[in-house]
C-alpha atoms as a PDB file:
ATOM      1  CA  UNK A   1     209.860  40.201 148.420  1.00  0.00           C
ATOM      2  CA  UNK A   2     206.983  42.727 148.158  1.00  0.00           C
ATOM      3  CA  UNK A   3     203.796  42.012 150.078  1.00  0.00           C
ATOM      4  CA  UNK A   4     201.150  40.222 148.041  1.00  0.00           C
ATOM      5  CA  UNK A   5     203.618  38.680 145.570  1.00  0.00           C
ATOM      6  CA  UNK A   6     203.492  34.915 145.290  1.00  0.00           C
ATOM      7  CA  UNK A   7     206.248  32.921 143.626  1.00  0.00           C
ATOM      8  CA  UNK A   8     205.012  29.776 141.937  1.00  0.00           C
ATOM      9  CA  UNK A   9     208.181  27.780 141.483  1.00  0.00           C
ATOM     10  CA  UNK A  10     206.371  24.472 141.074  1.00  0.00           C
ATOM     11  CA  UNK A  11     204.160  25.813 138.305  1.00  0.00           C
ATOM     12  CA  UNK A  12     207.096  27.161 136.301  1.00  0.00           C
ATOM     13  CA  UNK A  13     209.020  23.911 136.802  1.00  0.00           C
ATOM     14  CA  UNK A  14     206.064  22.006 135.388  1.00  0.00           C
ATOM     15  CA  UNK A  15     205.914  24.323 132.362  1.00  0.00           C
ATOM     16  CA  UNK A  16     209.619  23.745 131.718  1.00  0.00           C
ATOM     17  CA  UNK A  17     209.231  19.979 132.022  1.00  0.00           C
ATOM     18  CA  UNK A  18     206.153  19.958 129.765  1.00  0.00           C
ATOM     19  CA  UNK A  19     208.017  21.975 127.146  1.00  0.00           C
ATOM     20  CA  UNK A  20     211.060  19.700 127.318  1.00  0.00           C
ATOM     21  CA  UNK A  21     208.950  16.560 126.925  1.00  0.00           C
ATOM     22  CA  UNK A  22     207.097  18.117 123.984  1.00  0.00           C
ATOM     23  CA  UNK A  23     210.315  19.020 122.178  1.00  0.00           C
ATOM     24  CA  UNK A  24     211.773  15.581 122.951  1.00  0.00           C
ATOM     25  CA  UNK A  25     208.669  13.864 121.497  1.00  0.00           C
ATOM     26  CA  UNK A  26     208.088  11.946 124.688  1.00  0.00           C
ATOM     27  CA  UNK A  27     205.048   9.719 125.002  1.00  0.00           C
ATOM     28  CA  UNK A  28     202.159  11.619 126.521  1.00  0.00           C
ATOM     29  CA  UNK A  29     203.703  15.022 125.810  1.00  0.00           C
ATOM     30  CA  UNK A  30     201.014  16.152 123.381  1.00  0.00           C
ATOM     31  CA  UNK A  31     198.298  15.245 125.864  1.00  0.00           C
ATOM     32  CA  UNK A  32     200.050  17.162 128.626  1.00  0.00           C
ATOM     33  CA  UNK A  33     200.510  20.203 126.392  1.00  0.00           C
ATOM     34  CA  UNK A  34     196.876  20.025 125.285  1.00  0.00           C
ATOM     35  CA  UNK A  35     195.625  19.756 128.852  1.00  0.00           C
ATOM     36  CA  UNK A  36     197.709  22.717 129.982  1.00  0.00           C
ATOM     37  CA  UNK A  37     197.177  25.086 127.035  1.00  0.00           C
ATOM     38  CA  UNK A  38     193.908  24.152 125.288  1.00  0.00           C
ATOM     39  CA  UNK A  39     191.779  26.669 127.225  1.00  0.00           C
ATOM     40  CA  UNK A  40     194.070  29.572 126.256  1.00  0.00           C
ATOM     41  CA  UNK A  41     194.267  28.436 122.628  1.00  0.00           C
ATOM     42  CA  UNK A  42     190.486  28.107 122.463  1.00  0.00           C
ATOM     43  CA  UNK A  43     190.050  31.613 123.935  1.00  0.00           C
ATOM     44  CA  UNK A  44     192.286  33.099 121.234  1.00  0.00           C
ATOM     45  CA  UNK A  45     190.410  31.288 118.480  1.00  0.00           C
ATOM     46  CA  UNK A  46     186.997  32.158 119.922  1.00  0.00           C
ATOM     47  CA  UNK A  47     187.924  35.834 120.184  1.00  0.00           C
ATOM     48  CA  UNK A  48     188.491  35.941 116.420  1.00  0.00           C
ATOM     49  CA  UNK A  49     185.725  33.699 115.125  1.00  0.00           C
ATOM     50  CA  UNK A  50     181.956  34.008 115.487  1.00  0.00           C
ATOM     51  CA  UNK A  51     181.383  30.253 115.470  1.00  0.00           C
ATOM     52  CA  UNK A  52     182.261  28.136 118.502  1.00  0.00           C
ATOM     53  CA  UNK A  53     182.610  25.135 116.184  1.00  0.00           C
ATOM     54  CA  UNK A  54     185.186  26.993 114.064  1.00  0.00           C
ATOM     55  CA  UNK A  55     187.071  28.033 117.205  1.00  0.00           C
ATOM     56  CA  UNK A  56     187.158  24.420 118.443  1.00  0.00           C
ATOM     57  CA  UNK A  57     188.389  23.251 115.028  1.00  0.00           C
ATOM     58  CA  UNK A  58     191.132  25.882 115.098  1.00  0.00           C
ATOM     59  CA  UNK A  59     192.140  24.800 118.603  1.00  0.00           C
ATOM     60  CA  UNK A  60     192.414  21.146 117.568  1.00  0.00           C
ATOM     61  CA  UNK A  61     194.270  22.045 114.379  1.00  0.00           C
ATOM     62  CA  UNK A  62     196.679  24.192 116.383  1.00  0.00           C
ATOM     63  CA  UNK A  63     197.834  21.226 118.449  1.00  0.00           C
ATOM     64  CA  UNK A  64     198.150  18.936 115.428  1.00  0.00           C
ATOM     65  CA  UNK A  65     200.153  21.612 113.598  1.00  0.00           C
ATOM     66  CA  UNK A  66     202.353  22.186 116.641  1.00  0.00           C
ATOM     67  CA  UNK A  67     203.031  18.479 117.129  1.00  0.00           C
ATOM     68  CA  UNK A  68     203.920  17.972 113.479  1.00  0.00           C
ATOM     69  CA  UNK A  69     206.102  21.087 113.413  1.00  0.00           C
ATOM     70  CA  UNK A  70     207.597  20.876 116.891  1.00  0.00           C
ATOM     71  CA  UNK A  71     211.138  20.780 115.517  1.00  0.00           C
ATOM     72  CA  UNK A  72     210.653  24.412 114.453  1.00  0.00           C
ATOM     73  CA  UNK A  73     209.831  25.483 118.025  1.00  0.00           C
ATOM     74  CA  UNK A  74     212.748  27.313 119.645  1.00  0.00           C
ATOM     75  CA  UNK A  75     212.395  27.852 123.402  1.00  0.00           C
ATOM     76  CA  UNK A  76     215.106  30.534 123.194  1.00  0.00           C
ATOM     77  CA  UNK A  77     212.738  32.679 121.106  1.00  0.00           C
ATOM     78  CA  UNK A  78     209.692  32.350 123.353  1.00  0.00           C
ATOM     79  CA  UNK A  79     207.494  30.092 125.411  1.00  0.00           C
ATOM     80  CA  UNK A  80     205.549  27.137 124.136  1.00  0.00           C
ATOM     81  CA  UNK A  81     202.329  28.936 125.060  1.00  0.00           C
ATOM     82  CA  UNK A  82     203.194  31.976 122.944  1.00  0.00           C
ATOM     83  CA  UNK A  83     204.138  29.714 120.036  1.00  0.00           C
ATOM     84  CA  UNK A  84     200.812  27.860 120.291  1.00  0.00           C
ATOM     85  CA  UNK A  85     198.838  31.106 120.540  1.00  0.00           C
ATOM     86  CA  UNK A  86     200.612  32.421 117.447  1.00  0.00           C
ATOM     87  CA  UNK A  87     199.658  29.300 115.506  1.00  0.00           C
ATOM     88  CA  UNK A  88     196.064  29.616 116.729  1.00  0.00           C
ATOM     89  CA  UNK A  89     195.858  33.307 115.847  1.00  0.00           C
ATOM     90  CA  UNK A  90     197.198  32.743 112.328  1.00  0.00           C
ATOM     91  CA  UNK A  91     194.855  29.821 111.756  1.00  0.00           C
ATOM     92  CA  UNK A  92     191.908  31.858 113.078  1.00  0.00           C
ATOM     93  CA  UNK A  93     192.711  34.620 110.608  1.00  0.00           C
ATOM     94  CA  UNK A  94     192.853  32.100 107.766  1.00  0.00           C
ATOM     95  CA  UNK A  95     189.484  30.623 108.747  1.00  0.00           C
ATOM     96  CA  UNK A  96     187.919  34.085 109.122  1.00  0.00           C
ATOM     97  CA  UNK A  97     189.197  35.104 105.685  1.00  0.00           C
ATOM     98  CA  UNK A  98     187.721  31.982 104.098  1.00  0.00           C
ATOM     99  CA  UNK A  99     184.399  32.720 105.801  1.00  0.00           C
ATOM    100  CA  UNK A 100     184.519  36.329 104.581  1.00  0.00           C
ATOM    101  CA  UNK A 101     185.382  35.217 101.041  1.00  0.00           C
ATOM    102  CA  UNK A 102     182.435  32.834 101.046  1.00  0.00           C
ATOM    103  CA  UNK A 103     180.156  35.563 102.345  1.00  0.00           C
ATOM    104  CA  UNK A 104     181.291  37.978  99.644  1.00  0.00           C
ATOM    105  CA  UNK A 105     180.880  35.360  96.948  1.00  0.00           C
ATOM    106  CA  UNK A 106     177.443  34.400  98.246  1.00  0.00           C
ATOM    107  CA  UNK A 107     176.349  38.032  98.353  1.00  0.00           C
ATOM    108  CA  UNK A 108     177.636  38.581  94.821  1.00  0.00           C
ATOM    109  CA  UNK A 109     175.734  35.562  93.532  1.00  0.00           C
ATOM    110  CA  UNK A 110     172.543  36.644  95.272  1.00  0.00           C
ATOM    111  CA  UNK A 111     172.687  40.176  93.845  1.00  0.00           C
ATOM    112  CA  UNK A 112     173.328  39.043  90.248  1.00  0.00           C
END
């Protein structure tokens, strides 16, 4: 093994177990997934939205959406984290578009 490379077997085992419990709908799985991935999901949302409140709403919505749609998650296609970040990114875009639409409509009303 090259110098300076650390193998985190325990961390990856925990990720696998968390993903399995999430897919299996085990009690406490959503909380474990939220605890592990909420900071990353919030960072993605916050990078796309000017409002911290909107970013927090997107983060919460991401986990609700994921839990309700967990049967569509396929670990063979990617990690749970990537799936969650994709949901968050799409939701952030939707929220940003609504905000832009409102801004355009408000500007149009104010100029007429």
